[in-house]
Amino acid sequence: MARNVEIKASIESVESIFPKAAALADEGPVEIIQDDTFFPCENGRLKLRAFSEDEGELIFYRRDDRKGPKESFYLVSPTASPNTLRESLSQAYGQAGRVCKIRALFLAGRTRIHLDRVDGLGDFLELEVMLEDGETAEAGETVARDLMGKLGIQPDQLIEGAYVDLLASGMAG
């Protein structure tokens, strides 16, 4: 399974972080519209991410639901028919929630910087530091903490869990 170290933080606005992210980035921004449907899963999380009617990906991942940098293990399976796959999985397992967002994606070295505007929640920053085979999670945590500092993200802005959890709990940004 692929691995990364992730953080998620609540931010005042995408616009407040955008210039800092752009200054750090080697590539981007790329705007991505995402419609994520979550399905019940005992061993982690399973979501179908639809980009359009003919492009999506089924993503299984496992990570601790805690604040701060955390290691995530994931598998991504592309699909050319996300709507049919969503219907099949919904009929088989039911849905655990749905999250729609607009994401600005920047690449800074081996880190994906996501500036997310999430329907019903508000604005967030995610960092995903890609880990090499055999590399420790601590090495990725160091990179994430450095970028948090450069982006002006404070520890009290960090959140645990996934957007779908925040929506289910009634949190609004």
C-alpha atoms as a PDB file:
ATOM      1  CA  MET A   1       0.000   0.000   0.000  1.00  0.00           C
ATOM      2  CA  ALA A   2       1.118   3.550  -0.647  1.00  0.00           C
ATOM      3  CA  ARG A   3       1.745   5.742   2.408  1.00  0.00           C
ATOM      4  CA  ASN A   4       1.794   9.396   3.272  1.00  0.00           C
ATOM      5  CA  VAL A   5       1.701  11.670   6.298  1.00  0.00           C
ATOM      6  CA  GLU A   6      -1.321  13.943   6.452  1.00  0.00           C
ATOM      7  CA  ILE A   7      -2.600  16.919   8.366  1.00  0.00           C
ATOM      8  CA  LYS A   8      -5.931  18.693   8.051  1.00  0.00           C
ATOM      9  CA  ALA A   9      -6.548  22.198   9.398  1.00  0.00           C
ATOM     10  CA  SER A  10      -9.446  24.589   9.494  1.00  0.00           C
ATOM     11  CA  ILE A  11      -8.523  27.902   7.835  1.00  0.00           C
ATOM     12  CA  GLU A  12     -10.168  31.315   7.717  1.00  0.00           C
ATOM     13  CA  SER A  13     -10.387  31.189   3.933  1.00  0.00           C
ATOM     14  CA  VAL A  14      -8.767  29.588   0.909  1.00  0.00           C
ATOM     15  CA  GLU A  15      -7.825  33.097  -0.228  1.00  0.00           C
ATOM     16  CA  SER A  16      -5.842  33.733   2.983  1.00  0.00           C
ATOM     17  CA  ILE A  17      -3.515  30.751   2.362  1.00  0.00           C
ATOM     18  CA  PHE A  18      -3.481  30.717  -1.450  1.00  0.00           C
ATOM     19  CA  PRO A  19      -0.532  33.166  -1.914  1.00  0.00           C
ATOM     20  CA  LYS A  20       1.611  31.315   0.654  1.00  0.00           C
ATOM     21  CA  ALA A  21       0.884  27.943  -0.962  1.00  0.00           C
ATOM     22  CA  ALA A  22       1.628  29.346  -4.417  1.00  0.00           C
ATOM     23  CA  ALA A  23       4.971  30.740  -3.210  1.00  0.00           C
ATOM     24  CA  LEU A  24       6.016  27.322  -1.846  1.00  0.00           C
ATOM     25  CA  ALA A  25       4.748  25.295  -4.803  1.00  0.00           C
ATOM     26  CA  ASP A  26       6.676  23.782  -7.693  1.00  0.00           C
ATOM     27  CA  GLU A  27       3.406  23.169  -9.562  1.00  0.00           C
ATOM     28  CA  GLY A  28      -0.173  24.376  -9.408  1.00  0.00           C
ATOM     29  CA  PRO A  29      -2.712  25.414  -8.700  1.00  0.00           C
ATOM     30  CA  VAL A  30      -4.988  22.898 -10.357  1.00  0.00           C
ATOM     31  CA  GLU A  31      -8.684  23.252  -9.568  1.00  0.00           C
ATOM     32  CA  ILE A  32     -10.456  19.934  -8.969  1.00  0.00           C
ATOM     33  CA  ILE A  33     -14.164  19.437  -8.299  1.00  0.00           C
ATOM     34  CA  GLN A  34     -14.668  16.354  -6.127  1.00  0.00           C
ATOM     35  CA  ASP A  35     -17.811  14.474  -5.116  1.00  0.00           C
ATOM     36  CA  ASP A  36     -16.870  11.881  -2.467  1.00  0.00           C
ATOM     37  CA  THR A  37     -19.295   9.166  -1.378  1.00  0.00           C
ATOM     38  CA  PHE A  38     -18.294   7.179   1.714  1.00  0.00           C
ATOM     39  CA  PHE A  39     -19.388   3.595   2.340  1.00  0.00           C
ATOM     40  CA  PRO A  40     -19.470   1.618   5.581  1.00  0.00           C
ATOM     41  CA  CYS A  41     -16.114  -0.114   6.063  1.00  0.00           C
ATOM     42  CA  GLU A  42     -14.917  -1.938   9.189  1.00  0.00           C
ATOM     43  CA  ASN A  43     -11.204  -1.927   8.291  1.00  0.00           C
ATOM     44  CA  GLY A  44     -10.724   1.771   7.469  1.00  0.00           C
ATOM     45  CA  ARG A  45     -12.538   4.078   5.082  1.00  0.00           C
ATOM     46  CA  LEU A  46     -13.861   3.441   1.598  1.00  0.00           C
ATOM     47  CA  LYS A  47     -14.835   6.317  -0.640  1.00  0.00           C
ATOM     48  CA  LEU A  48     -15.697   6.804  -4.268  1.00  0.00           C
ATOM     49  CA  ARG A  49     -14.361  10.083  -5.610  1.00  0.00           C
ATOM     50  CA  ALA A  50     -16.104  11.287  -8.759  1.00  0.00           C
ATOM     51  CA  PHE A  51     -14.446  13.982 -10.850  1.00  0.00           C
ATOM     52  CA  SER A  52     -16.977  13.748 -13.709  1.00  0.00           C
ATOM     53  CA  GLU A  53     -19.463  11.284 -15.173  1.00  0.00           C
ATOM     54  CA  ASP A  54     -16.642   9.255 -16.731  1.00  0.00           C
ATOM     55  CA  GLU A  55     -13.751   9.722 -14.322  1.00  0.00           C
ATOM     56  CA  GLY A  56     -13.379   8.718 -10.718  1.00  0.00           C
ATOM     57  CA  GLU A  57     -11.483   6.563  -8.276  1.00  0.00           C
ATOM     58  CA  LEU A  58     -12.348   4.171  -5.502  1.00  0.00           C
ATOM     59  CA  ILE A  59     -10.071   4.847  -2.526  1.00  0.00           C
ATOM     60  CA  PHE A  60      -9.529   2.644   0.506  1.00  0.00           C
ATOM     61  CA  TYR A  61      -7.489   4.177   3.320  1.00  0.00           C
ATOM     62  CA  ARG A  62      -6.537   3.662   6.945  1.00  0.00           C
ATOM     63  CA  ARG A  63      -5.293   6.340   9.319  1.00  0.00           C
ATOM     64  CA  ASP A  64      -5.730   7.368  12.924  1.00  0.00           C
ATOM     65  CA  ASP A  65      -8.405   9.959  13.616  1.00  0.00           C
ATOM     66  CA  ARG A  66      -6.272  12.369  15.631  1.00  0.00           C
ATOM     67  CA  LYS A  67      -5.035  15.928  15.324  1.00  0.00           C
ATOM     68  CA  GLY A  68      -1.586  16.596  13.918  1.00  0.00           C
ATOM     69  CA  PRO A  69       0.523  14.726  11.380  1.00  0.00           C
ATOM     70  CA  LYS A  70      -0.503  11.085  10.994  1.00  0.00           C
ATOM     71  CA  GLU A  71       0.486   8.222   8.748  1.00  0.00           C
ATOM     72  CA  SER A  72      -2.060   7.073   6.174  1.00  0.00           C
ATOM     73  CA  PHE A  73      -2.062   3.866   4.120  1.00  0.00           C
ATOM     74  CA  TYR A  74      -4.107   3.885   0.915  1.00  0.00           C
ATOM     75  CA  LEU A  75      -5.028   2.130  -2.337  1.00  0.00           C
ATOM     76  CA  VAL A  76      -6.524   3.947  -5.354  1.00  0.00           C
ATOM     77  CA  SER A  77      -8.485   2.163  -8.115  1.00  0.00           C
ATOM     78  CA  PRO A  78      -9.443   4.350 -11.108  1.00  0.00           C
ATOM     79  CA  THR A  79     -12.899   3.957 -12.647  1.00  0.00           C
ATOM     80  CA  ALA A  80     -14.466   5.207 -15.872  1.00  0.00           C
ATOM     81  CA  SER A  81     -18.011   4.843 -14.499  1.00  0.00           C
ATOM     82  CA  PRO A  82     -18.200   6.381 -11.017  1.00  0.00           C
ATOM     83  CA  ASN A  83     -21.995   6.823 -11.063  1.00  0.00           C
ATOM     84  CA  THR A  84     -22.639   3.124 -11.741  1.00  0.00           C
ATOM     85  CA  LEU A  85     -20.030   2.117  -9.170  1.00  0.00           C
ATOM     86  CA  ARG A  86     -21.616   4.480  -6.588  1.00  0.00           C
ATOM     87  CA  GLU A  87     -25.020   2.924  -7.231  1.00  0.00           C
ATOM     88  CA  SER A  88     -23.633  -0.635  -6.970  1.00  0.00           C
ATOM     89  CA  LEU A  89     -21.788   0.056  -3.713  1.00  0.00           C
ATOM     90  CA  SER A  90     -24.755   1.970  -2.279  1.00  0.00           C
ATOM     91  CA  GLN A  91     -27.110  -0.918  -3.035  1.00  0.00           C
ATOM     92  CA  ALA A  92     -24.675  -3.437  -1.542  1.00  0.00           C
ATOM     93  CA  TYR A  93     -23.473  -1.552   1.555  1.00  0.00           C
ATOM     94  CA  GLY A  94     -25.443   1.678   1.969  1.00  0.00           C
ATOM     95  CA  GLN A  95     -23.778   5.091   2.240  1.00  0.00           C
ATOM     96  CA  ALA A  96     -21.940   6.536   5.239  1.00  0.00           C
ATOM     97  CA  GLY A  97     -21.990  10.094   3.874  1.00  0.00           C
ATOM     98  CA  ARG A  98     -21.188  12.368   0.983  1.00  0.00           C
ATOM     99  CA  VAL A  99     -18.772  15.301   0.717  1.00  0.00           C
ATOM    100  CA  CYS A 100     -18.610  17.784  -2.169  1.00  0.00           C
ATOM    101  CA  LYS A 101     -15.708  20.192  -2.461  1.00  0.00           C
ATOM    102  CA  ILE A 102     -13.651  22.364  -4.732  1.00  0.00           C
ATOM    103  CA  ARG A 103      -9.947  21.770  -4.266  1.00  0.00           C
ATOM    104  CA  ALA A 104      -6.966  23.867  -5.314  1.00  0.00           C
ATOM    105  CA  LEU A 105      -4.026  21.463  -5.592  1.00  0.00           C
ATOM    106  CA  PHE A 106      -0.412  22.605  -5.341  1.00  0.00           C
ATOM    107  CA  LEU A 107       2.691  20.395  -5.395  1.00  0.00           C
ATOM    108  CA  ALA A 108       5.635  21.413  -3.218  1.00  0.00           C
ATOM    109  CA  GLY A 109       8.384  18.842  -3.579  1.00  0.00           C
ATOM    110  CA  ARG A 110       6.847  15.557  -2.460  1.00  0.00           C
ATOM    111  CA  THR A 111       3.936  17.244  -0.684  1.00  0.00           C
ATOM    112  CA  ARG A 112       0.445  17.817  -2.033  1.00  0.00           C
ATOM    113  CA  ILE A 113      -1.039  21.015  -0.634  1.00  0.00           C
ATOM    114  CA  HIS A 114      -4.843  21.015  -0.820  1.00  0.00           C
ATOM    115  CA  LEU A 115      -6.893  24.153  -0.268  1.00  0.00           C
ATOM    116  CA  ASP A 116     -10.444  22.881   0.061  1.00  0.00           C
ATOM    117  CA  ARG A 117     -13.776  24.683   0.021  1.00  0.00           C
ATOM    118  CA  VAL A 118     -16.127  22.037   1.441  1.00  0.00           C
ATOM    119  CA  ASP A 119     -19.898  22.351   0.972  1.00  0.00           C
ATOM    120  CA  GLY A 120     -21.566  22.797   4.343  1.00  0.00           C
ATOM    121  CA  LEU A 121     -18.288  23.071   6.304  1.00  0.00           C
ATOM    122  CA  GLY A 122     -16.086  25.911   5.107  1.00  0.00           C
ATOM    123  CA  ASP A 123     -12.423  26.166   4.126  1.00  0.00           C
ATOM    124  CA  PHE A 124      -9.604  23.774   5.001  1.00  0.00           C
ATOM    125  CA  LEU A 125      -5.968  23.000   4.288  1.00  0.00           C
ATOM    126  CA  GLU A 126      -4.644  19.481   3.859  1.00  0.00           C
ATOM    127  CA  LEU A 127      -1.020  18.468   3.506  1.00  0.00           C
ATOM    128  CA  GLU A 128      -0.077  15.030   2.188  1.00  0.00           C
ATOM    129  CA  VAL A 129       3.642  14.236   2.411  1.00  0.00           C
ATOM    130  CA  MET A 130       4.365  11.218   0.200  1.00  0.00           C
ATOM    131  CA  LEU A 131       6.596   8.611   1.878  1.00  0.00           C
ATOM    132  CA  GLU A 132       9.180   6.433   0.147  1.00  0.00           C
ATOM    133  CA  ASP A 133       9.269   2.670   0.739  1.00  0.00           C
ATOM    134  CA  GLY A 134      10.989   2.081   4.066  1.00  0.00           C
ATOM    135  CA  GLU A 135      10.908   5.758   5.060  1.00  0.00           C
ATOM    136  CA  THR A 136       9.710   6.484   8.580  1.00  0.00           C
ATOM    137  CA  ALA A 137       6.503   8.355   9.299  1.00  0.00           C
ATOM    138  CA  GLU A 138       8.568  10.680  11.497  1.00  0.00           C
ATOM    139  CA  ALA A 139      10.453  11.939   8.418  1.00  0.00           C
ATOM    140  CA  GLY A 140       7.134  12.889   6.797  1.00  0.00           C
ATOM    141  CA  GLU A 141       5.926  14.484  10.032  1.00  0.00           C
ATOM    142  CA  THR A 142       9.004  16.739  10.027  1.00  0.00           C
ATOM    143  CA  VAL A 143       8.197  17.910   6.486  1.00  0.00           C
ATOM    144  CA  ALA A 144       4.532  18.474   7.394  1.00  0.00           C
ATOM    145  CA  ARG A 145       5.387  20.517  10.502  1.00  0.00           C
ATOM    146  CA  ASP A 146       7.858  22.638   8.518  1.00  0.00           C
ATOM    147  CA  LEU A 147       5.222  23.400   5.873  1.00  0.00           C
ATOM    148  CA  MET A 148       2.633  24.151   8.561  1.00  0.00           C
ATOM    149  CA  GLY A 149       5.000  26.793   9.916  1.00  0.00           C
ATOM    150  CA  LYS A 150       5.632  28.291   6.477  1.00  0.00           C
ATOM    151  CA  LEU A 151       1.886  28.408   5.789  1.00  0.00           C
ATOM    152  CA  GLY A 152       1.111  29.951   9.178  1.00  0.00           C
ATOM    153  CA  ILE A 153      -0.958  26.996  10.433  1.00  0.00           C
ATOM    154  CA  GLN A 154      -1.203  26.866  14.238  1.00  0.00           C
ATOM    155  CA  PRO A 155      -1.686  23.636  16.239  1.00  0.00           C
ATOM    156  CA  ASP A 156      -5.140  24.780  17.412  1.00  0.00           C
ATOM    157  CA  GLN A 157      -6.301  24.833  13.765  1.00  0.00           C
ATOM    158  CA  LEU A 158      -5.647  21.093  13.316  1.00  0.00           C
ATOM    159  CA  ILE A 159      -8.626  18.785  13.161  1.00  0.00           C
ATOM    160  CA  GLU A 160      -9.055  15.051  13.453  1.00  0.00           C
ATOM    161  CA  GLY A 161     -11.140  12.750  11.327  1.00  0.00           C
ATOM    162  CA  ALA A 162     -12.460  13.264   7.834  1.00  0.00           C
ATOM    163  CA  TYR A 163     -14.778  15.878   6.324  1.00  0.00           C
ATOM    164  CA  VAL A 164     -17.572  13.289   6.353  1.00  0.00           C
ATOM    165  CA  ASP A 165     -17.187  13.049  10.165  1.00  0.00           C
ATOM    166  CA  LEU A 166     -17.393  16.821  10.536  1.00  0.00           C
ATOM    167  CA  LEU A 167     -20.561  16.928   8.437  1.00  0.00           C
ATOM    168  CA  ALA A 168     -22.091  14.082  10.467  1.00  0.00           C
ATOM    169  CA  SER A 169     -21.284  15.880  13.735  1.00  0.00           C
ATOM    170  CA  GLY A 170     -22.984  19.070  12.538  1.00  0.00           C
ATOM    171  CA  MET A 171     -19.796  21.208  12.544  1.00  0.00           C
ATOM    172  CA  ALA A 172     -20.036  24.185  10.209  1.00  0.00           C
ATOM    173  CA  GLY A 173     -17.281  26.563   9.205  1.00  0.00           C
END
